[in-house]
PDB file of N, CA and C in Angstrom:
ATOM      1  N   UNK A   1      -8.758  12.810 -46.284  1.00  0.00           N
ATOM      2  CA  UNK A   1      -9.251  13.228 -45.328  1.00  0.00           C
ATOM      3  C   UNK A   1      -8.902  12.879 -43.988  1.00  0.00           C
ATOM      4  N   UNK A   2      -8.499  13.726 -43.092  1.00  0.00           N
ATOM      5  CA  UNK A   2      -7.804  13.308 -41.569  1.00  0.00           C
ATOM      6  C   UNK A   2      -9.122  13.276 -40.497  1.00  0.00           C
ATOM      7  N   UNK A   3      -9.423  12.291 -40.075  1.00  0.00           N
ATOM      8  CA  UNK A   3     -10.355  12.315 -38.732  1.00  0.00           C
ATOM      9  C   UNK A   3      -9.666  13.414 -38.008  1.00  0.00           C
ATOM     10  N   UNK A   4     -11.203  13.866 -37.292  1.00  0.00           N
ATOM     11  CA  UNK A   4     -11.065  15.101 -36.403  1.00  0.00           C
ATOM     12  C   UNK A   4     -10.251  16.761 -36.911  1.00  0.00           C
ATOM     13  N   UNK A   5      -9.985  16.576 -38.109  1.00  0.00           N
ATOM     14  CA  UNK A   5      -9.692  17.860 -38.514  1.00  0.00           C
ATOM     15  C   UNK A   5     -11.046  18.632 -39.056  1.00  0.00           C
ATOM     16  N   UNK A   6     -10.580  20.085 -38.902  1.00  0.00           N
ATOM     17  CA  UNK A   6     -11.998  20.688 -39.152  1.00  0.00           C
ATOM     18  C   UNK A   6     -11.868  21.082 -40.637  1.00  0.00           C
ATOM     19  N   UNK A   7     -12.804  21.134 -41.317  1.00  0.00           N
ATOM     20  CA  UNK A   7     -12.584  21.491 -42.793  1.00  0.00           C
ATOM     21  C   UNK A   7     -13.650  22.601 -43.110  1.00  0.00           C
ATOM     22  N   UNK A   8     -13.693  23.325 -44.198  1.00  0.00           N
ATOM     23  CA  UNK A   8     -14.713  24.108 -44.931  1.00  0.00           C
ATOM     24  C   UNK A   8     -14.487  23.409 -46.316  1.00  0.00           C
ATOM     25  N   UNK A   9     -16.296  23.010 -46.610  1.00  0.00           N
ATOM     26  CA  UNK A   9     -16.302  21.907 -47.783  1.00  0.00           C
ATOM     27  C   UNK A   9     -17.108  22.881 -48.410  1.00  0.00           C
ATOM     28  N   UNK A  10     -16.707  23.522 -49.519  1.00  0.00           N
ATOM     29  CA  UNK A  10     -17.603  24.435 -50.762  1.00  0.00           C
ATOM     30  C   UNK A  10     -18.442  23.238 -51.803  1.00  0.00           C
ATOM     31  N   UNK A  11     -19.638  23.392 -51.590  1.00  0.00           N
ATOM     32  CA  UNK A  11     -20.651  22.457 -52.229  1.00  0.00           C
ATOM     33  C   UNK A  11     -21.247  23.270 -53.481  1.00  0.00           C
ATOM     34  N   UNK A  12     -21.633  22.570 -54.691  1.00  0.00           N
ATOM     35  CA  UNK A  12     -22.531  23.043 -55.977  1.00  0.00           C
ATOM     36  C   UNK A  12     -23.550  23.691 -55.062  1.00  0.00           C
ATOM     37  N   UNK A  13     -24.317  24.845 -55.780  1.00  0.00           N
ATOM     38  CA  UNK A  13     -25.498  25.409 -55.310  1.00  0.00           C
ATOM     39  C   UNK A  13     -26.532  24.336 -55.439  1.00  0.00           C
ATOM     40  N   UNK A  14     -26.477  23.808 -56.377  1.00  0.00           N
ATOM     41  CA  UNK A  14     -27.933  23.027 -56.836  1.00  0.00           C
ATOM     42  C   UNK A  14     -27.842  21.799 -55.551  1.00  0.00           C
ATOM     43  N   UNK A  15     -26.572  21.103 -55.477  1.00  0.00           N
ATOM     44  CA  UNK A  15     -26.670  20.404 -54.321  1.00  0.00           C
ATOM     45  C   UNK A  15     -26.757  20.779 -53.223  1.00  0.00           C
ATOM     46  N   UNK A  16     -26.464  21.712 -52.567  1.00  0.00           N
ATOM     47  CA  UNK A  16     -26.742  22.259 -51.015  1.00  0.00           C
ATOM     48  C   UNK A  16     -27.997  22.623 -50.963  1.00  0.00           C
ATOM     49  N   UNK A  17     -28.816  23.011 -52.426  1.00  0.00           N
ATOM     50  CA  UNK A  17     -30.415  23.293 -52.144  1.00  0.00           C
ATOM     51  C   UNK A  17     -30.999  21.784 -51.854  1.00  0.00           C
ATOM     52  N   UNK A  18     -30.610  20.980 -52.785  1.00  0.00           N
ATOM     53  CA  UNK A  18     -31.144  19.711 -52.662  1.00  0.00           C
ATOM     54  C   UNK A  18     -31.371  19.211 -51.169  1.00  0.00           C
ATOM     55  N   UNK A  19     -30.075  19.251 -50.836  1.00  0.00           N
ATOM     56  CA  UNK A  19     -29.668  18.567 -49.552  1.00  0.00           C
ATOM     57  C   UNK A  19     -30.800  19.359 -48.157  1.00  0.00           C
ATOM     58  N   UNK A  20     -30.763  20.739 -48.307  1.00  0.00           N
ATOM     59  CA  UNK A  20     -31.469  21.461 -47.447  1.00  0.00           C
ATOM     60  C   UNK A  20     -32.724  21.491 -47.523  1.00  0.00           C
ATOM     61  N   UNK A  21     -33.451  21.381 -49.247  1.00  0.00           N
ATOM     62  CA  UNK A  21     -34.816  21.402 -49.211  1.00  0.00           C
ATOM     63  C   UNK A  21     -35.339  23.006 -49.444  1.00  0.00           C
ATOM     64  N   UNK A  22     -34.346  23.736 -50.134  1.00  0.00           N
ATOM     65  CA  UNK A  22     -34.056  25.159 -50.340  1.00  0.00           C
ATOM     66  C   UNK A  22     -34.674  25.542 -51.901  1.00  0.00           C
ATOM     67  N   UNK A  23     -35.691  26.194 -51.949  1.00  0.00           N
ATOM     68  CA  UNK A  23     -36.354  26.793 -53.398  1.00  0.00           C
ATOM     69  C   UNK A  23     -35.116  26.877 -54.426  1.00  0.00           C
ATOM     70  N   UNK A  24     -35.437  26.275 -55.631  1.00  0.00           N
ATOM     71  CA  UNK A  24     -34.173  26.535 -56.473  1.00  0.00           C
ATOM     72  C   UNK A  24     -34.464  27.659 -57.422  1.00  0.00           C
ATOM     73  N   UNK A  25     -35.635  28.438 -57.440  1.00  0.00           N
ATOM     74  CA  UNK A  25     -35.858  29.695 -57.921  1.00  0.00           C
ATOM     75  C   UNK A  25     -35.379  30.729 -57.685  1.00  0.00           C
ATOM     76  N   UNK A  26     -34.630  30.778 -56.413  1.00  0.00           N
ATOM     77  CA  UNK A  26     -33.899  32.060 -55.871  1.00  0.00           C
ATOM     78  C   UNK A  26     -32.432  31.919 -56.729  1.00  0.00           C
ATOM     79  N   UNK A  27     -32.306  33.275 -56.548  1.00  0.00           N
ATOM     80  CA  UNK A  27     -30.810  33.273 -57.328  1.00  0.00           C
ATOM     81  C   UNK A  27     -29.590  32.356 -56.327  1.00  0.00           C
ATOM     82  N   UNK A  28     -28.557  32.112 -57.367  1.00  0.00           N
ATOM     83  CA  UNK A  28     -27.492  30.783 -56.843  1.00  0.00           C
ATOM     84  C   UNK A  28     -26.536  31.666 -55.757  1.00  0.00           C
ATOM     85  N   UNK A  29     -26.215  30.628 -54.957  1.00  0.00           N
ATOM     86  CA  UNK A  29     -25.273  31.240 -53.921  1.00  0.00           C
ATOM     87  C   UNK A  29     -24.011  30.181 -53.892  1.00  0.00           C
ATOM     88  N   UNK A  30     -23.088  30.807 -52.775  1.00  0.00           N
ATOM     89  CA  UNK A  30     -22.243  30.215 -52.396  1.00  0.00           C
ATOM     90  C   UNK A  30     -22.181  29.089 -51.462  1.00  0.00           C
ATOM     91  N   UNK A  31     -21.999  27.748 -51.224  1.00  0.00           N
ATOM     92  CA  UNK A  31     -22.461  27.344 -49.770  1.00  0.00           C
ATOM     93  C   UNK A  31     -21.020  26.756 -49.339  1.00  0.00           C
ATOM     94  N   UNK A  32     -20.803  26.775 -47.937  1.00  0.00           N
ATOM     95  CA  UNK A  32     -19.909  26.073 -47.438  1.00  0.00           C
ATOM     96  C   UNK A  32     -20.210  25.487 -46.415  1.00  0.00           C
ATOM     97  N   UNK A  33     -19.806  24.246 -46.149  1.00  0.00           N
ATOM     98  CA  UNK A  33     -20.160  23.056 -44.943  1.00  0.00           C
ATOM     99  C   UNK A  33     -18.955  23.315 -44.071  1.00  0.00           C
ATOM    100  N   UNK A  34     -19.152  23.620 -42.737  1.00  0.00           N
ATOM    101  CA  UNK A  34     -18.185  23.901 -41.536  1.00  0.00           C
ATOM    102  C   UNK A  34     -18.051  22.951 -40.683  1.00  0.00           C
ATOM    103  N   UNK A  35     -17.198  21.664 -40.682  1.00  0.00           N
ATOM    104  CA  UNK A  35     -17.399  20.441 -39.832  1.00  0.00           C
ATOM    105  C   UNK A  35     -16.251  20.165 -39.527  1.00  0.00           C
ATOM    106  N   UNK A  36     -16.340  18.705 -39.049  1.00  0.00           N
ATOM    107  CA  UNK A  36     -15.198  17.937 -38.538  1.00  0.00           C
ATOM    108  C   UNK A  36     -15.297  16.611 -38.916  1.00  0.00           C
ATOM    109  N   UNK A  37     -14.202  16.262 -39.637  1.00  0.00           N
ATOM    110  CA  UNK A  37     -14.287  14.964 -40.370  1.00  0.00           C
ATOM    111  C   UNK A  37     -14.499  13.576 -39.169  1.00  0.00           C
ATOM    112  N   UNK A  38     -15.549  12.864 -39.392  1.00  0.00           N
ATOM    113  CA  UNK A  38     -15.695  11.605 -38.794  1.00  0.00           C
ATOM    114  C   UNK A  38     -15.362  10.529 -39.128  1.00  0.00           C
ATOM    115  N   UNK A  39     -15.034  10.433 -40.458  1.00  0.00           N
ATOM    116  CA  UNK A  39     -14.896   9.540 -41.105  1.00  0.00           C
ATOM    117  C   UNK A  39     -15.313   9.110 -42.639  1.00  0.00           C
ATOM    118  N   UNK A  40     -14.710   8.150 -43.485  1.00  0.00           N
ATOM    119  CA  UNK A  40     -14.644   8.295 -44.894  1.00  0.00           C
ATOM    120  C   UNK A  40     -15.495   6.594 -45.244  1.00  0.00           C
ATOM    121  N   UNK A  41     -15.896   7.223 -46.325  1.00  0.00           N
ATOM    122  CA  UNK A  41     -16.678   5.903 -47.243  1.00  0.00           C
ATOM    123  C   UNK A  41     -15.908   5.979 -48.485  1.00  0.00           C
ATOM    124  N   UNK A  42     -14.965   4.426 -48.920  1.00  0.00           N
ATOM    125  CA  UNK A  42     -14.257   4.643 -49.899  1.00  0.00           C
ATOM    126  C   UNK A  42     -14.861   4.889 -51.372  1.00  0.00           C
ATOM    127  N   UNK A  43     -14.270   5.649 -52.115  1.00  0.00           N
ATOM    128  CA  UNK A  43     -14.667   5.654 -53.286  1.00  0.00           C
ATOM    129  C   UNK A  43     -16.466   6.649 -53.277  1.00  0.00           C
ATOM    130  N   UNK A  44     -16.614   7.043 -51.981  1.00  0.00           N
ATOM    131  CA  UNK A  44     -18.133   7.477 -52.269  1.00  0.00           C
ATOM    132  C   UNK A  44     -18.154   9.166 -51.293  1.00  0.00           C
ATOM    133  N   UNK A  45     -17.390   9.155 -50.276  1.00  0.00           N
ATOM    134  CA  UNK A  45     -17.373  10.397 -49.870  1.00  0.00           C
ATOM    135  C   UNK A  45     -16.681  10.384 -48.301  1.00  0.00           C
ATOM    136  N   UNK A  46     -17.241  11.388 -47.278  1.00  0.00           N
ATOM    137  CA  UNK A  46     -16.675  11.137 -46.370  1.00  0.00           C
ATOM    138  C   UNK A  46     -17.421  11.967 -45.353  1.00  0.00           C
ATOM    139  N   UNK A  47     -17.571  11.586 -43.850  1.00  0.00           N
ATOM    140  CA  UNK A  47     -18.715  12.163 -43.042  1.00  0.00           C
ATOM    141  C   UNK A  47     -18.070  12.849 -42.260  1.00  0.00           C
ATOM    142  N   UNK A  48     -19.010  14.007 -42.126  1.00  0.00           N
ATOM    143  CA  UNK A  48     -18.598  15.222 -41.203  1.00  0.00           C
ATOM    144  C   UNK A  48     -19.828  15.712 -40.110  1.00  0.00           C
ATOM    145  N   UNK A  49     -19.103  15.738 -39.041  1.00  0.00           N
ATOM    146  CA  UNK A  49     -19.810  16.677 -37.877  1.00  0.00           C
ATOM    147  C   UNK A  49     -20.243  17.959 -38.274  1.00  0.00           C
ATOM    148  N   UNK A  50     -21.457  18.041 -38.944  1.00  0.00           N
ATOM    149  CA  UNK A  50     -21.543  19.626 -39.169  1.00  0.00           C
ATOM    150  C   UNK A  50     -21.998  20.591 -37.990  1.00  0.00           C
ATOM    151  N   UNK A  51     -21.014  21.281 -38.237  1.00  0.00           N
ATOM    152  CA  UNK A  51     -20.780  22.783 -37.043  1.00  0.00           C
ATOM    153  C   UNK A  51     -22.336  23.674 -37.696  1.00  0.00           C
ATOM    154  N   UNK A  52     -22.149  24.345 -38.774  1.00  0.00           N
ATOM    155  CA  UNK A  52     -23.285  25.005 -39.457  1.00  0.00           C
ATOM    156  C   UNK A  52     -22.734  24.977 -41.321  1.00  0.00           C
ATOM    157  N   UNK A  53     -23.843  25.590 -41.803  1.00  0.00           N
ATOM    158  CA  UNK A  53     -23.637  25.607 -43.039  1.00  0.00           C
ATOM    159  C   UNK A  53     -23.652  27.213 -43.609  1.00  0.00           C
ATOM    160  N   UNK A  54     -22.954  27.757 -44.239  1.00  0.00           N
ATOM    161  CA  UNK A  54     -23.028  29.128 -44.855  1.00  0.00           C
ATOM    162  C   UNK A  54     -23.607  29.504 -45.694  1.00  0.00           C
ATOM    163  N   UNK A  55     -24.421  30.146 -46.097  1.00  0.00           N
ATOM    164  CA  UNK A  55     -25.138  30.583 -47.385  1.00  0.00           C
ATOM    165  C   UNK A  55     -24.469  32.043 -47.748  1.00  0.00           C
ATOM    166  N   UNK A  56     -23.494  31.886 -48.713  1.00  0.00           N
ATOM    167  CA  UNK A  56     -23.300  33.181 -49.155  1.00  0.00           C
ATOM    168  C   UNK A  56     -23.972  33.768 -50.404  1.00  0.00           C
ATOM    169  N   UNK A  57     -24.705  34.633 -50.227  1.00  0.00           N
ATOM    170  CA  UNK A  57     -25.489  35.375 -51.257  1.00  0.00           C
ATOM    171  C   UNK A  57     -25.234  36.408 -51.741  1.00  0.00           C
ATOM    172  N   UNK A  58     -24.435  37.416 -51.273  1.00  0.00           N
ATOM    173  CA  UNK A  58     -23.580  38.119 -51.381  1.00  0.00           C
ATOM    174  C   UNK A  58     -22.329  38.341 -50.785  1.00  0.00           C
ATOM    175  N   UNK A  59     -21.201  38.843 -51.292  1.00  0.00           N
ATOM    176  CA  UNK A  59     -19.881  39.240 -50.612  1.00  0.00           C
ATOM    177  C   UNK A  59     -20.075  39.614 -48.730  1.00  0.00           C
ATOM    178  N   UNK A  60     -21.283  40.540 -48.563  1.00  0.00           N
ATOM    179  CA  UNK A  60     -21.642  40.918 -47.179  1.00  0.00           C
ATOM    180  C   UNK A  60     -22.672  40.444 -46.786  1.00  0.00           C
ATOM    181  N   UNK A  61     -23.353  39.438 -47.328  1.00  0.00           N
ATOM    182  CA  UNK A  61     -24.596  38.820 -47.118  1.00  0.00           C
ATOM    183  C   UNK A  61     -24.767  37.395 -46.706  1.00  0.00           C
ATOM    184  N   UNK A  62     -24.389  37.072 -45.845  1.00  0.00           N
ATOM    185  CA  UNK A  62     -24.486  35.403 -45.147  1.00  0.00           C
ATOM    186  C   UNK A  62     -25.715  35.175 -44.261  1.00  0.00           C
ATOM    187  N   UNK A  63     -25.852  33.823 -44.557  1.00  0.00           N
ATOM    188  CA  UNK A  63     -27.006  33.224 -43.601  1.00  0.00           C
ATOM    189  C   UNK A  63     -26.201  31.992 -43.184  1.00  0.00           C
ATOM    190  N   UNK A  64     -26.336  31.712 -41.781  1.00  0.00           N
ATOM    191  CA  UNK A  64     -26.180  30.450 -41.583  1.00  0.00           C
ATOM    192  C   UNK A  64     -26.957  29.445 -40.711  1.00  0.00           C
ATOM    193  N   UNK A  65     -26.809  28.168 -41.257  1.00  0.00           N
ATOM    194  CA  UNK A  65     -27.944  27.190 -41.202  1.00  0.00           C
ATOM    195  C   UNK A  65     -27.180  25.818 -40.639  1.00  0.00           C
ATOM    196  N   UNK A  66     -28.210  25.320 -39.491  1.00  0.00           N
ATOM    197  CA  UNK A  66     -27.770  24.144 -38.591  1.00  0.00           C
ATOM    198  C   UNK A  66     -28.311  22.967 -39.270  1.00  0.00           C
ATOM    199  N   UNK A  67     -28.021  22.001 -39.020  1.00  0.00           N
ATOM    200  CA  UNK A  67     -28.548  20.472 -39.278  1.00  0.00           C
ATOM    201  C   UNK A  67     -28.793  19.309 -38.382  1.00  0.00           C
ATOM    202  N   UNK A  68     -29.771  18.895 -38.357  1.00  0.00           N
ATOM    203  CA  UNK A  68     -30.015  18.002 -37.196  1.00  0.00           C
ATOM    204  C   UNK A  68     -30.527  16.574 -37.729  1.00  0.00           C
ATOM    205  N   UNK A  69     -29.904  15.088 -37.943  1.00  0.00           N
ATOM    206  CA  UNK A  69     -28.540  15.136 -36.475  1.00  0.00           C
ATOM    207  C   UNK A  69     -27.158  15.892 -37.821  1.00  0.00           C
ATOM    208  N   UNK A  70     -26.336  16.048 -37.096  1.00  0.00           N
ATOM    209  CA  UNK A  70     -25.395  17.118 -37.513  1.00  0.00           C
ATOM    210  C   UNK A  70     -24.399  16.090 -38.368  1.00  0.00           C
ATOM    211  N   UNK A  71     -24.467  14.821 -38.000  1.00  0.00           N
ATOM    212  CA  UNK A  71     -23.599  13.713 -38.861  1.00  0.00           C
ATOM    213  C   UNK A  71     -24.069  13.308 -40.211  1.00  0.00           C
ATOM    214  N   UNK A  72     -23.227  13.928 -41.294  1.00  0.00           N
ATOM    215  CA  UNK A  72     -23.658  13.711 -42.516  1.00  0.00           C
ATOM    216  C   UNK A  72     -22.916  13.265 -43.605  1.00  0.00           C
ATOM    217  N   UNK A  73     -23.217  12.499 -44.767  1.00  0.00           N
ATOM    218  CA  UNK A  73     -21.950  11.921 -45.636  1.00  0.00           C
ATOM    219  C   UNK A  73     -21.972  13.069 -46.848  1.00  0.00           C
ATOM    220  N   UNK A  74     -21.047  13.505 -47.002  1.00  0.00           N
ATOM    221  CA  UNK A  74     -20.654  14.563 -48.242  1.00  0.00           C
ATOM    222  C   UNK A  74     -19.981  13.686 -49.221  1.00  0.00           C
ATOM    223  N   UNK A  75     -20.726  13.314 -50.804  1.00  0.00           N
ATOM    224  CA  UNK A  75     -20.234  12.551 -51.688  1.00  0.00           C
ATOM    225  C   UNK A  75     -19.007  13.862 -52.282  1.00  0.00           C
ATOM    226  N   UNK A  76     -18.110  12.753 -52.624  1.00  0.00           N
ATOM    227  CA  UNK A  76     -16.976  13.772 -53.438  1.00  0.00           C
ATOM    228  C   UNK A  76     -17.513  14.343 -54.463  1.00  0.00           C
ATOM    229  N   UNK A  77     -18.493  13.501 -55.436  1.00  0.00           N
ATOM    230  CA  UNK A  77     -18.989  14.281 -56.777  1.00  0.00           C
ATOM    231  C   UNK A  77     -19.504  15.956 -56.120  1.00  0.00           C
ATOM    232  N   UNK A  78     -20.031  16.064 -55.233  1.00  0.00           N
ATOM    233  CA  UNK A  78     -20.705  17.231 -54.929  1.00  0.00           C
ATOM    234  C   UNK A  78     -19.815  18.575 -54.182  1.00  0.00           C
ATOM    235  N   UNK A  79     -18.586  17.829 -54.223  1.00  0.00           N
ATOM    236  CA  UNK A  79     -17.336  18.964 -53.367  1.00  0.00           C
ATOM    237  C   UNK A  79     -17.035  19.871 -54.549  1.00  0.00           C
ATOM    238  N   UNK A  80     -17.056  21.084 -54.682  1.00  0.00           N
ATOM    239  CA  UNK A  80     -16.188  22.017 -55.294  1.00  0.00           C
ATOM    240  C   UNK A  80     -15.033  21.892 -55.022  1.00  0.00           C
ATOM    241  N   UNK A  81     -14.671  22.491 -53.553  1.00  0.00           N
ATOM    242  CA  UNK A  81     -13.074  22.257 -52.843  1.00  0.00           C
ATOM    243  C   UNK A  81     -13.119  22.219 -51.209  1.00  0.00           C
ATOM    244  N   UNK A  82     -12.231  21.986 -51.069  1.00  0.00           N
ATOM    245  CA  UNK A  82     -11.798  21.932 -49.465  1.00  0.00           C
ATOM    246  C   UNK A  82     -10.985  22.587 -48.649  1.00  0.00           C
ATOM    247  N   UNK A  83     -11.166  22.844 -47.790  1.00  0.00           N
ATOM    248  CA  UNK A  83     -10.259  23.794 -46.662  1.00  0.00           C
ATOM    249  C   UNK A  83     -10.107  23.429 -45.532  1.00  0.00           C
ATOM    250  N   UNK A  84      -8.663  22.872 -45.295  1.00  0.00           N
ATOM    251  CA  UNK A  84      -8.388  22.713 -43.788  1.00  0.00           C
ATOM    252  C   UNK A  84      -8.150  23.572 -42.986  1.00  0.00           C
ATOM    253  N   UNK A  85      -8.759  23.764 -41.628  1.00  0.00           N
ATOM    254  CA  UNK A  85      -9.056  25.094 -40.711  1.00  0.00           C
ATOM    255  C   UNK A  85      -8.373  24.262 -39.326  1.00  0.00           C
ATOM    256  N   UNK A  86      -8.049  25.433 -38.578  1.00  0.00           N
ATOM    257  CA  UNK A  86      -7.688  25.246 -37.086  1.00  0.00           C
ATOM    258  C   UNK A  86      -8.833  25.296 -35.998  1.00  0.00           C
ATOM    259  N   UNK A  87      -9.411  26.439 -36.448  1.00  0.00           N
ATOM    260  CA  UNK A  87     -10.925  26.594 -36.138  1.00  0.00           C
ATOM    261  C   UNK A  87     -11.623  27.447 -37.149  1.00  0.00           C
ATOM    262  N   UNK A  88     -12.908  27.314 -37.196  1.00  0.00           N
ATOM    263  CA  UNK A  88     -13.976  27.700 -38.187  1.00  0.00           C
ATOM    264  C   UNK A  88     -13.649  29.170 -38.147  1.00  0.00           C
ATOM    265  N   UNK A  89     -13.508  30.101 -37.392  1.00  0.00           N
ATOM    266  CA  UNK A  89     -13.586  31.452 -37.707  1.00  0.00           C
ATOM    267  C   UNK A  89     -12.206  31.576 -38.670  1.00  0.00           C
ATOM    268  N   UNK A  90     -11.387  30.723 -38.860  1.00  0.00           N
ATOM    269  CA  UNK A  90     -10.107  31.272 -39.744  1.00  0.00           C
ATOM    270  C   UNK A  90     -10.361  31.140 -41.254  1.00  0.00           C
ATOM    271  N   UNK A  91     -12.063  30.791 -41.620  1.00  0.00           N
ATOM    272  CA  UNK A  91     -12.504  30.720 -43.215  1.00  0.00           C
ATOM    273  C   UNK A  91     -12.439  32.365 -43.492  1.00  0.00           C
ATOM    274  N   UNK A  92     -11.497  32.640 -44.204  1.00  0.00           N
ATOM    275  CA  UNK A  92     -11.873  34.249 -44.940  1.00  0.00           C
ATOM    276  C   UNK A  92     -11.729  34.127 -46.399  1.00  0.00           C
ATOM    277  N   UNK A  93     -12.859  34.569 -47.100  1.00  0.00           N
ATOM    278  CA  UNK A  93     -12.530  34.822 -48.495  1.00  0.00           C
ATOM    279  C   UNK A  93     -12.629  36.212 -48.801  1.00  0.00           C
ATOM    280  N   UNK A  94     -11.756  36.467 -49.689  1.00  0.00           N
ATOM    281  CA  UNK A  94     -11.261  37.484 -50.163  1.00  0.00           C
ATOM    282  C   UNK A  94     -11.784  37.457 -51.552  1.00  0.00           C
ATOM    283  N   UNK A  95     -12.617  38.623 -52.233  1.00  0.00           N
ATOM    284  CA  UNK A  95     -13.107  38.564 -53.589  1.00  0.00           C
ATOM    285  C   UNK A  95     -11.517  39.578 -54.383  1.00  0.00           C
ATOM    286  N   UNK A  96     -11.562  38.834 -55.584  1.00  0.00           N
ATOM    287  CA  UNK A  96     -10.594  39.489 -56.171  1.00  0.00           C
ATOM    288  C   UNK A  96      -9.233  39.107 -56.137  1.00  0.00           C
ATOM    289  N   UNK A  97      -8.370  39.452 -56.738  1.00  0.00           N
ATOM    290  CA  UNK A  97      -6.919  38.955 -56.951  1.00  0.00           C
ATOM    291  C   UNK A  97      -5.983  39.782 -55.934  1.00  0.00           C
ATOM    292  N   UNK A  98      -4.856  39.382 -55.594  1.00  0.00           N
ATOM    293  CA  UNK A  98      -3.909  40.030 -54.798  1.00  0.00           C
ATOM    294  C   UNK A  98      -2.612  39.955 -55.624  1.00  0.00           C
ATOM    295  N   UNK A  99      -2.060  40.937 -55.584  1.00  0.00           N
ATOM    296  CA  UNK A  99      -0.792  41.045 -56.149  1.00  0.00           C
ATOM    297  C   UNK A  99       0.390  40.484 -55.435  1.00  0.00           C
ATOM    298  N   UNK A 100       1.404  39.727 -56.150  1.00  0.00           N
ATOM    299  CA  UNK A 100       2.368  39.197 -55.171  1.00  0.00           C
ATOM    300  C   UNK A 100       2.919  40.113 -54.266  1.00  0.00           C
ATOM    301  N   UNK A 101       3.187  41.670 -54.382  1.00  0.00           N
ATOM    302  CA  UNK A 101       3.666  42.695 -53.444  1.00  0.00           C
ATOM    303  C   UNK A 101       3.023  42.427 -52.251  1.00  0.00           C
ATOM    304  N   UNK A 102       1.597  42.667 -52.651  1.00  0.00           N
ATOM    305  CA  UNK A 102       0.736  43.195 -51.304  1.00  0.00           C
ATOM    306  C   UNK A 102       1.091  41.343 -50.551  1.00  0.00           C
ATOM    307  N   UNK A 103       1.166  40.632 -50.750  1.00  0.00           N
ATOM    308  CA  UNK A 103       1.220  39.506 -49.854  1.00  0.00           C
ATOM    309  C   UNK A 103       2.545  39.242 -49.713  1.00  0.00           C
ATOM    310  N   UNK A 104       3.543  39.562 -50.061  1.00  0.00           N
ATOM    311  CA  UNK A 104       5.075  39.297 -49.496  1.00  0.00           C
ATOM    312  C   UNK A 104       5.437  40.006 -48.341  1.00  0.00           C
ATOM    313  N   UNK A 105       5.823  39.414 -47.549  1.00  0.00           N
ATOM    314  CA  UNK A 105       6.214  40.199 -45.987  1.00  0.00           C
ATOM    315  C   UNK A 105       7.174  40.992 -46.438  1.00  0.00           C
ATOM    316  N   UNK A 106       7.120  42.445 -45.867  1.00  0.00           N
ATOM    317  CA  UNK A 106       8.080  43.814 -46.217  1.00  0.00           C
ATOM    318  C   UNK A 106       9.050  43.425 -45.004  1.00  0.00           C
ATOM    319  N   UNK A 107      10.262  43.736 -45.691  1.00  0.00           N
ATOM    320  CA  UNK A 107      11.402  43.917 -45.062  1.00  0.00           C
ATOM    321  C   UNK A 107      11.724  44.944 -43.948  1.00  0.00           C
ATOM    322  N   UNK A 108      12.581  44.767 -42.923  1.00  0.00           N
ATOM    323  CA  UNK A 108      12.610  45.837 -42.351  1.00  0.00           C
ATOM    324  C   UNK A 108      13.799  46.787 -42.853  1.00  0.00           C
ATOM    325  N   UNK A 109      13.385  48.001 -42.953  1.00  0.00           N
ATOM    326  CA  UNK A 109      14.247  48.946 -43.628  1.00  0.00           C
ATOM    327  C   UNK A 109      15.348  49.090 -42.509  1.00  0.00           C
ATOM    328  N   UNK A 110      16.482  49.462 -43.114  1.00  0.00           N
ATOM    329  CA  UNK A 110      17.806  49.570 -42.434  1.00  0.00           C
ATOM    330  C   UNK A 110      17.960  51.242 -42.208  1.00  0.00           C
ATOM    331  N   UNK A 111      18.138  51.984 -41.072  1.00  0.00           N
ATOM    332  CA  UNK A 111      18.240  53.723 -41.183  1.00  0.00           C
ATOM    333  C   UNK A 111      19.844  53.570 -40.976  1.00  0.00           C
ATOM    334  N   UNK A 112      20.265  54.629 -41.746  1.00  0.00           N
ATOM    335  CA  UNK A 112      21.971  54.853 -41.533  1.00  0.00           C
ATOM    336  C   UNK A 112      21.757  55.833 -40.386  1.00  0.00           C
ATOM    337  N   UNK A 113      22.686  55.857 -39.898  1.00  0.00           N
ATOM    338  CA  UNK A 113      22.854  56.389 -38.595  1.00  0.00           C
ATOM    339  C   UNK A 113      24.376  57.124 -38.760  1.00  0.00           C
TER     340      UNK A 113
END
């Protein structure tokens, strides 16, 4: 991980709930931690200055959570995946799959004159 890079770090549901002290009896959620890398601990994890944590309850239902102090060690074992971001607003999640045709840039059509 690159120091000073912004990341979206997706965590397992049970890990996020344990970290935040949230009741485990509630339905499962998706969890993403948005923050900036400030260092690494070899073979253990990385330090993240957390901007906020998003709990995705459903595709249109999210909750933002802040932590204090914001500097936290995220263990590699708890990470599902990581996305590098230029800014936190770049994080977009789309449900389902897209066909190649829908993501391939369209060529400009030529008109005959």
